[in-house]
C-alpha atoms as a PDB file:
ATOM      1  CA  UNK A   1      10.359  25.664   0.980  1.00  0.00           C
ATOM      2  CA  UNK A   2      10.468  23.361   4.002  1.00  0.00           C
ATOM      3  CA  UNK A   3       6.677  23.053   4.078  1.00  0.00           C
ATOM      4  CA  UNK A   4       6.621  22.019   0.417  1.00  0.00           C
ATOM      5  CA  UNK A   5       9.205  19.312   1.074  1.00  0.00           C
ATOM      6  CA  UNK A   6       7.222  18.014   4.040  1.00  0.00           C
ATOM      7  CA  UNK A   7       4.024  17.933   1.975  1.00  0.00           C
ATOM      8  CA  UNK A   8       5.781  16.079  -0.840  1.00  0.00           C
ATOM      9  CA  UNK A   9       7.178  13.602   1.654  1.00  0.00           C
ATOM     10  CA  UNK A  10       3.704  13.011   3.140  1.00  0.00           C
ATOM     11  CA  UNK A  11       2.231  12.474  -0.311  1.00  0.00           C
ATOM     12  CA  UNK A  12       5.022  10.023  -1.137  1.00  0.00           C
ATOM     13  CA  UNK A  13       4.527   8.139   2.133  1.00  0.00           C
ATOM     14  CA  UNK A  14       0.768   8.077   1.611  1.00  0.00           C
ATOM     15  CA  UNK A  15       1.223   6.766  -1.938  1.00  0.00           C
ATOM     16  CA  UNK A  16       3.671   4.103  -0.717  1.00  0.00           C
ATOM     17  CA  UNK A  17       1.186   2.933   1.924  1.00  0.00           C
ATOM     18  CA  UNK A  18      -1.640   2.869  -0.629  1.00  0.00           C
ATOM     19  CA  UNK A  19       0.455   0.892  -3.111  1.00  0.00           C
ATOM     20  CA  UNK A  20       1.557  -1.536  -0.394  1.00  0.00           C
ATOM     21  CA  UNK A  21      -2.071  -2.030   0.638  1.00  0.00           C
ATOM     22  CA  UNK A  22      -3.114  -2.641  -2.965  1.00  0.00           C
ATOM     23  CA  UNK A  23      -0.209  -5.047  -3.514  1.00  0.00           C
ATOM     24  CA  UNK A  24      -1.276  -6.994  -0.422  1.00  0.00           C
ATOM     25  CA  UNK A  25      -4.817  -7.428  -1.741  1.00  0.00           C
ATOM     26  CA  UNK A  26      -3.622  -8.296  -5.253  1.00  0.00           C
ATOM     27  CA  UNK A  27      -1.497 -11.024  -3.682  1.00  0.00           C
ATOM     28  CA  UNK A  28      -4.513 -12.287  -1.697  1.00  0.00           C
ATOM     29  CA  UNK A  29      -6.659 -12.371  -4.847  1.00  0.00           C
ATOM     30  CA  UNK A  30      -3.913 -14.046  -6.877  1.00  0.00           C
ATOM     31  CA  UNK A  31      -3.674 -16.814  -4.271  1.00  0.00           C
ATOM     32  CA  UNK A  32      -7.439 -17.362  -4.602  1.00  0.00           C
ATOM     33  CA  UNK A  33      -7.101 -17.583  -8.400  1.00  0.00           C
ATOM     34  CA  UNK A  34      -4.195 -20.014  -8.026  1.00  0.00           C
ATOM     35  CA  UNK A  35      -6.390 -22.188  -5.789  1.00  0.00           C
ATOM     36  CA  UNK A  36      -8.896 -22.312  -8.653  1.00  0.00           C
ATOM     37  CA  UNK A  37      -6.053 -23.311 -10.994  1.00  0.00           C
ATOM     38  CA  UNK A  38      -5.098 -26.134  -8.631  1.00  0.00           C
ATOM     39  CA  UNK A  39      -8.688 -27.329  -8.724  1.00  0.00           C
ATOM     40  CA  UNK A  40      -8.567 -27.423 -12.535  1.00  0.00           C
ATOM     41  CA  UNK A  41      -5.319 -29.383 -12.443  1.00  0.00           C
ATOM     42  CA  UNK A  42      -6.830 -31.920 -10.052  1.00  0.00           C
ATOM     43  CA  UNK A  43      -9.430 -32.723 -12.750  1.00  0.00           C
ATOM     44  CA  UNK A  44      -6.797 -33.116 -15.465  1.00  0.00           C
ATOM     45  CA  UNK A  45      -7.486 -29.684 -16.933  1.00  0.00           C
ATOM     46  CA  UNK A  46      -4.938 -27.037 -17.873  1.00  0.00           C
ATOM     47  CA  UNK A  47      -4.268 -25.294 -14.531  1.00  0.00           C
ATOM     48  CA  UNK A  48      -5.908 -21.914 -15.002  1.00  0.00           C
ATOM     49  CA  UNK A  49      -8.116 -20.204 -12.455  1.00  0.00           C
ATOM     50  CA  UNK A  50      -9.927 -16.892 -12.281  1.00  0.00           C
ATOM     51  CA  UNK A  51     -11.875 -14.809  -9.808  1.00  0.00           C
ATOM     52  CA  UNK A  52     -14.008 -11.702 -10.126  1.00  0.00           C
ATOM     53  CA  UNK A  53     -13.770  -9.121  -7.354  1.00  0.00           C
ATOM     54  CA  UNK A  54     -15.972  -6.153  -6.536  1.00  0.00           C
ATOM     55  CA  UNK A  55     -15.463  -3.957  -3.471  1.00  0.00           C
ATOM     56  CA  UNK A  56     -12.933  -6.374  -1.953  1.00  0.00           C
ATOM     57  CA  UNK A  57     -15.355  -9.305  -2.236  1.00  0.00           C
ATOM     58  CA  UNK A  58     -15.139 -12.281  -4.563  1.00  0.00           C
ATOM     59  CA  UNK A  59     -18.357 -12.487  -6.540  1.00  0.00           C
ATOM     60  CA  UNK A  60     -17.279 -15.086  -9.097  1.00  0.00           C
ATOM     61  CA  UNK A  61     -14.891 -18.026  -9.323  1.00  0.00           C
ATOM     62  CA  UNK A  62     -13.869 -20.259 -12.153  1.00  0.00           C
ATOM     63  CA  UNK A  63     -11.417 -22.948 -13.106  1.00  0.00           C
ATOM     64  CA  UNK A  64     -10.678 -24.404 -16.531  1.00  0.00           C
ATOM     65  CA  UNK A  65     -13.264 -27.044 -17.490  1.00  0.00           C
ATOM     66  CA  UNK A  66     -13.309 -27.472 -21.270  1.00  0.00           C
ATOM     67  CA  UNK A  67     -12.126 -31.095 -21.154  1.00  0.00           C
ATOM     68  CA  UNK A  68     -14.363 -32.379 -18.366  1.00  0.00           C
ATOM     69  CA  UNK A  69     -17.417 -30.416 -19.479  1.00  0.00           C
ATOM     70  CA  UNK A  70     -16.796 -31.023 -23.193  1.00  0.00           C
ATOM     71  CA  UNK A  71     -17.419 -27.297 -23.634  1.00  0.00           C
ATOM     72  CA  UNK A  72     -14.817 -25.366 -25.644  1.00  0.00           C
ATOM     73  CA  UNK A  73     -15.929 -22.100 -24.004  1.00  0.00           C
ATOM     74  CA  UNK A  74     -15.467 -23.329 -20.423  1.00  0.00           C
ATOM     75  CA  UNK A  75     -12.246 -21.452 -19.807  1.00  0.00           C
ATOM     76  CA  UNK A  76     -11.625 -20.203 -16.270  1.00  0.00           C
ATOM     77  CA  UNK A  77     -12.371 -16.591 -17.101  1.00  0.00           C
ATOM     78  CA  UNK A  78     -15.687 -17.417 -18.781  1.00  0.00           C
ATOM     79  CA  UNK A  79     -16.684 -19.739 -15.935  1.00  0.00           C
ATOM     80  CA  UNK A  80     -15.906 -16.947 -13.421  1.00  0.00           C
ATOM     81  CA  UNK A  81     -17.934 -14.414 -15.430  1.00  0.00           C
ATOM     82  CA  UNK A  82     -20.887 -16.816 -15.630  1.00  0.00           C
ATOM     83  CA  UNK A  83     -20.640 -17.514 -11.891  1.00  0.00           C
ATOM     84  CA  UNK A  84     -20.590 -13.807 -11.030  1.00  0.00           C
ATOM     85  CA  UNK A  85     -23.474 -13.003 -13.387  1.00  0.00           C
ATOM     86  CA  UNK A  86     -25.561 -15.797 -11.899  1.00  0.00           C
ATOM     87  CA  UNK A  87     -24.855 -14.633  -8.330  1.00  0.00           C
ATOM     88  CA  UNK A  88     -25.540 -11.000  -9.225  1.00  0.00           C
ATOM     89  CA  UNK A  89     -28.643 -11.825 -11.245  1.00  0.00           C
ATOM     90  CA  UNK A  90     -27.351  -9.620 -14.037  1.00  0.00           C
ATOM     91  CA  UNK A  91     -25.147 -10.058 -17.069  1.00  0.00           C
ATOM     92  CA  UNK A  92     -23.551  -6.680 -16.419  1.00  0.00           C
ATOM     93  CA  UNK A  93     -20.752  -6.634 -13.871  1.00  0.00           C
ATOM     94  CA  UNK A  94     -19.759  -2.979 -13.387  1.00  0.00           C
ATOM     95  CA  UNK A  95     -16.985  -2.117 -10.959  1.00  0.00           C
ATOM     96  CA  UNK A  96     -15.466  -5.593 -11.074  1.00  0.00           C
ATOM     97  CA  UNK A  97     -11.962  -6.856 -11.670  1.00  0.00           C
ATOM     98  CA  UNK A  98     -11.187 -10.202 -13.281  1.00  0.00           C
END
């Protein structure tokens, strides 16, 4: 019975550490997306930003640009997807997070 409790405690601690680690990186990525939003705002656009991450590396960035580019599809998410696809040389972006 004591061994089971110890194992459960270790699993809980391990899960807590993993979740804390993930939360740290989500906060890092969110700050990068907010920087893109600030860029959009500086151009008079609605302040929305987006990034695409794969394996803890940013492979695409985008900020809202429909007003300045006169392109109704130039939303931050679409701009980030286009940026990532161009950098990857492929329209498919498996294993990524927007």
